[in-house]
Amino acid sequence: MALQPVRLVLLLLAGPREGDNDFLEFSSIEDAVAYGRDLNGTSRFQLEGIEDAAGRTLVCYDDLRDRCRSWPHEAQRSFG
C-alpha cells in the first residue's frame, strides 16, 4: 500500500479559496509525508490527510500531523 499513488489533502487557510481543500498527488505515502513536513506549521495550509486515488483515507489528520512533526530515523544524526 505504501507504494501506490496517493493524494495529500490540504485545507487552504488563506487566499480566495480559503476553507476549500486542495490535493497534491505523490507516488507514495512516504513522498506525501516528506512534502507535508515542509508545509507543516505554515499559515497557508493545514494537513488534512492522505487519500488513495478513489478518495479513501489512508492516513488520517492526527496520524499525518504526528508523522510530519517527527523526522524519520535515517535523518537523525548522533554525535559523540
N, C-alpha and C. Protein backbone atom coordinates (compact mmCIF):
# COMPACT_ATOMS: atom_id res chain seq x y z
N MET A 1 0.82 -1.19 0.00
CA MET A 1 0.00 0.00 0.00
C MET A 1 0.87 1.26 0.00
N ALA A 2 2.06 1.19 0.58
CA ALA A 2 2.90 2.38 0.71
C ALA A 2 3.42 2.87 -0.64
N LEU A 3 3.40 2.04 -1.67
CA LEU A 3 3.95 2.44 -2.96
C LEU A 3 2.89 2.73 -4.01
N GLN A 4 1.66 2.96 -3.62
CA GLN A 4 0.62 3.30 -4.59
C GLN A 4 0.48 4.82 -4.68
N PRO A 5 0.01 5.34 -5.82
CA PRO A 5 -0.21 6.78 -5.92
C PRO A 5 -1.22 7.26 -4.88
N VAL A 6 -0.93 8.40 -4.28
CA VAL A 6 -1.79 8.95 -3.23
C VAL A 6 -1.98 10.44 -3.44
N ARG A 7 -2.95 11.00 -2.70
CA ARG A 7 -3.20 12.44 -2.73
C ARG A 7 -3.05 12.98 -1.32
N LEU A 8 -2.24 14.03 -1.18
CA LEU A 8 -2.13 14.76 0.07
C LEU A 8 -3.24 15.80 0.07
N VAL A 9 -4.09 15.77 1.09
CA VAL A 9 -5.22 16.68 1.18
C VAL A 9 -4.84 17.85 2.08
N LEU A 10 -4.98 19.06 1.54
CA LEU A 10 -4.65 20.28 2.26
C LEU A 10 -5.89 21.15 2.40
N LEU A 11 -6.10 21.70 3.57
CA LEU A 11 -7.13 22.71 3.77
C LEU A 11 -6.47 24.06 3.58
N LEU A 12 -7.01 24.87 2.67
CA LEU A 12 -6.45 26.19 2.41
C LEU A 12 -6.90 27.16 3.49
N LEU A 13 -5.94 27.83 4.12
CA LEU A 13 -6.23 28.72 5.24
C LEU A 13 -6.16 30.19 4.86
N ALA A 14 -5.76 30.48 3.64
CA ALA A 14 -5.64 31.88 3.22
C ALA A 14 -5.93 31.98 1.72
N GLY A 15 -6.21 33.19 1.28
CA GLY A 15 -6.44 33.42 -0.14
C GLY A 15 -7.90 33.31 -0.53
N PRO A 16 -8.17 33.46 -1.81
CA PRO A 16 -9.56 33.47 -2.29
C PRO A 16 -10.29 32.14 -2.14
N ARG A 17 -9.55 31.04 -2.01
CA ARG A 17 -10.17 29.72 -1.83
C ARG A 17 -10.13 29.26 -0.39
N GLU A 18 -9.96 30.18 0.55
CA GLU A 18 -9.87 29.82 1.97
C GLU A 18 -11.04 28.92 2.38
N GLY A 19 -10.72 27.82 3.07
CA GLY A 19 -11.74 26.88 3.51
C GLY A 19 -11.94 25.72 2.55
N ASP A 20 -11.40 25.81 1.33
CA ASP A 20 -11.50 24.73 0.36
C ASP A 20 -10.36 23.75 0.55
N ASN A 21 -10.53 22.57 0.01
CA ASN A 21 -9.45 21.58 0.02
C ASN A 21 -8.69 21.65 -1.29
N ASP A 22 -7.41 21.39 -1.22
CA ASP A 22 -6.56 21.26 -2.39
C ASP A 22 -5.90 19.89 -2.29
N PHE A 23 -5.50 19.34 -3.43
CA PHE A 23 -4.94 17.99 -3.47
C PHE A 23 -3.63 18.01 -4.25
N LEU A 24 -2.62 17.37 -3.71
CA LEU A 24 -1.34 17.19 -4.39
C LEU A 24 -1.10 15.70 -4.53
N GLU A 25 -0.72 15.26 -5.73
CA GLU A 25 -0.51 13.83 -5.97
C GLU A 25 0.95 13.46 -5.81
N PHE A 26 1.16 12.27 -5.20
CA PHE A 26 2.50 11.74 -4.97
C PHE A 26 2.51 10.26 -5.31
N SER A 27 3.69 9.73 -5.53
CA SER A 27 3.80 8.32 -5.91
C SER A 27 3.69 7.37 -4.73
N SER A 28 3.84 7.90 -3.49
CA SER A 28 3.76 7.03 -2.32
C SER A 28 3.38 7.84 -1.08
N ILE A 29 2.98 7.13 -0.04
CA ILE A 29 2.67 7.79 1.23
C ILE A 29 3.92 8.47 1.77
N GLU A 30 5.06 7.82 1.65
CA GLU A 30 6.31 8.40 2.16
C GLU A 30 6.63 9.72 1.49
N ASP A 31 6.42 9.81 0.17
CA ASP A 31 6.67 11.06 -0.55
C ASP A 31 5.71 12.15 -0.09
N ALA A 32 4.45 11.79 0.12
CA ALA A 32 3.46 12.78 0.58
C ALA A 32 3.80 13.28 1.98
N VAL A 33 4.23 12.39 2.86
CA VAL A 33 4.61 12.78 4.22
C VAL A 33 5.84 13.68 4.18
N ALA A 34 6.82 13.34 3.34
CA ALA A 34 8.03 14.16 3.24
C ALA A 34 7.67 15.57 2.80
N TYR A 35 6.78 15.71 1.84
CA TYR A 35 6.35 17.04 1.41
C TYR A 35 5.55 17.73 2.51
N GLY A 36 4.71 16.97 3.20
CA GLY A 36 3.94 17.53 4.31
C GLY A 36 4.81 18.10 5.41
N ARG A 37 5.98 17.50 5.63
CA ARG A 37 6.92 18.03 6.63
C ARG A 37 7.34 19.46 6.28
N ASP A 38 7.51 19.72 4.97
CA ASP A 38 7.89 21.06 4.54
C ASP A 38 6.76 22.07 4.77
N LEU A 39 5.52 21.61 4.67
CA LEU A 39 4.37 22.50 4.84
C LEU A 39 3.90 22.61 6.28
N ASN A 40 4.28 21.66 7.12
CA ASN A 40 3.78 21.62 8.49
C ASN A 40 4.15 22.90 9.22
N GLY A 41 3.14 23.51 9.82
CA GLY A 41 3.36 24.73 10.59
C GLY A 41 3.21 26.01 9.79
N THR A 42 2.95 25.92 8.49
CA THR A 42 2.75 27.14 7.71
C THR A 42 1.36 27.69 7.98
N SER A 43 1.19 28.96 7.72
CA SER A 43 -0.11 29.59 7.96
C SER A 43 -1.02 29.53 6.75
N ARG A 44 -0.55 28.94 5.66
CA ARG A 44 -1.35 28.88 4.43
C ARG A 44 -2.14 27.59 4.27
N PHE A 45 -1.65 26.50 4.89
CA PHE A 45 -2.27 25.19 4.70
C PHE A 45 -2.40 24.46 6.02
N GLN A 46 -3.39 23.58 6.09
CA GLN A 46 -3.49 22.63 7.18
C GLN A 46 -3.49 21.24 6.56
N LEU A 47 -2.66 20.35 7.05
CA LEU A 47 -2.58 18.99 6.54
C LEU A 47 -3.81 18.23 7.00
N GLU A 48 -4.61 17.75 6.07
CA GLU A 48 -5.86 17.07 6.41
C GLU A 48 -5.75 15.56 6.39
N GLY A 49 -4.97 15.01 5.49
CA GLY A 49 -4.85 13.56 5.41
C GLY A 49 -4.25 13.14 4.09
N ILE A 50 -4.16 11.83 3.90
CA ILE A 50 -3.69 11.26 2.64
C ILE A 50 -4.74 10.27 2.18
N GLU A 51 -5.12 10.38 0.90
CA GLU A 51 -6.15 9.52 0.31
C GLU A 51 -5.58 8.71 -0.83
N ASP A 52 -6.26 7.61 -1.15
CA ASP A 52 -5.90 6.88 -2.36
C ASP A 52 -6.61 7.53 -3.54
N ALA A 53 -6.41 7.00 -4.73
CA ALA A 53 -6.99 7.59 -5.94
C ALA A 53 -8.51 7.60 -5.92
N ALA A 54 -9.12 6.71 -5.14
CA ALA A 54 -10.57 6.64 -5.05
C ALA A 54 -11.14 7.55 -3.96
N GLY A 55 -10.28 8.26 -3.25
CA GLY A 55 -10.75 9.16 -2.20
C GLY A 55 -10.88 8.53 -0.83
N ARG A 56 -10.43 7.28 -0.67
CA ARG A 56 -10.48 6.63 0.64
C ARG A 56 -9.30 7.09 1.48
N THR A 57 -9.54 7.38 2.74
CA THR A 57 -8.49 7.86 3.63
C THR A 57 -7.50 6.75 3.95
N LEU A 58 -6.22 7.02 3.72
CA LEU A 58 -5.15 6.09 4.06
C LEU A 58 -4.44 6.53 5.33
N VAL A 59 -4.29 7.85 5.51
CA VAL A 59 -3.65 8.41 6.69
C VAL A 59 -4.53 9.56 7.16
N CYS A 60 -5.05 9.47 8.37
CA CYS A 60 -5.97 10.48 8.86
C CYS A 60 -5.22 11.70 9.41
N TYR A 61 -5.96 12.74 9.69
CA TYR A 61 -5.43 14.03 10.14
C TYR A 61 -4.43 13.88 11.29
N ASP A 62 -4.83 13.23 12.38
CA ASP A 62 -3.97 13.14 13.55
C ASP A 62 -2.69 12.37 13.25
N ASP A 63 -2.81 11.24 12.56
CA ASP A 63 -1.64 10.44 12.23
C ASP A 63 -0.70 11.21 11.30
N LEU A 64 -1.26 11.91 10.32
CA LEU A 64 -0.44 12.68 9.40
C LEU A 64 0.31 13.78 10.13
N ARG A 65 -0.35 14.48 11.03
CA ARG A 65 0.32 15.55 11.79
C ARG A 65 1.45 14.98 12.64
N ASP A 66 1.22 13.82 13.25
CA ASP A 66 2.28 13.18 14.04
C ASP A 66 3.48 12.81 13.16
N ARG A 67 3.20 12.23 12.00
CA ARG A 67 4.27 11.83 11.09
C ARG A 67 5.06 13.05 10.59
N CYS A 68 4.38 14.16 10.38
CA CYS A 68 5.05 15.33 9.83
C CYS A 68 5.79 16.14 10.89
N ARG A 69 5.55 15.86 12.15
CA ARG A 69 6.29 16.54 13.21
C ARG A 69 7.57 15.81 13.56
N SER A 70 7.64 14.52 13.26
CA SER A 70 8.83 13.75 13.61
C SER A 70 9.57 13.36 12.34
N TRP A 71 10.89 13.45 12.39
CA TRP A 71 11.72 13.10 11.24
C TRP A 71 12.01 11.61 11.26
N PRO A 72 12.15 11.02 10.10
CA PRO A 72 12.48 9.58 10.06
C PRO A 72 13.84 9.32 10.73
N HIS A 73 14.02 8.12 11.22
CA HIS A 73 15.24 7.76 11.94
C HIS A 73 16.49 7.92 11.08
N GLU A 74 16.36 7.72 9.75
CA GLU A 74 17.53 7.83 8.88
C GLU A 74 18.07 9.26 8.87
N ALA A 75 17.22 10.25 9.11
CA ALA A 75 17.64 11.64 9.04
C ALA A 75 18.29 12.12 10.34
N GLN A 76 18.13 11.36 11.40
CA GLN A 76 18.69 11.77 12.69
C GLN A 76 20.18 11.44 12.73
N ARG A 77 20.95 12.36 13.28
CA ARG A 77 22.37 12.12 13.43
C ARG A 77 22.72 11.98 14.89
N SER A 78 23.71 11.17 15.14
CA SER A 78 24.18 11.06 16.52
C SER A 78 25.60 11.58 16.57
N PHE A 79 25.90 12.31 17.61
CA PHE A 79 27.22 12.88 17.80
C PHE A 79 27.84 12.29 19.05
N GLY A 80 29.15 12.19 19.02
CA GLY A 80 29.78 11.73 20.24
C GLY A 80 30.82 10.77 20.05
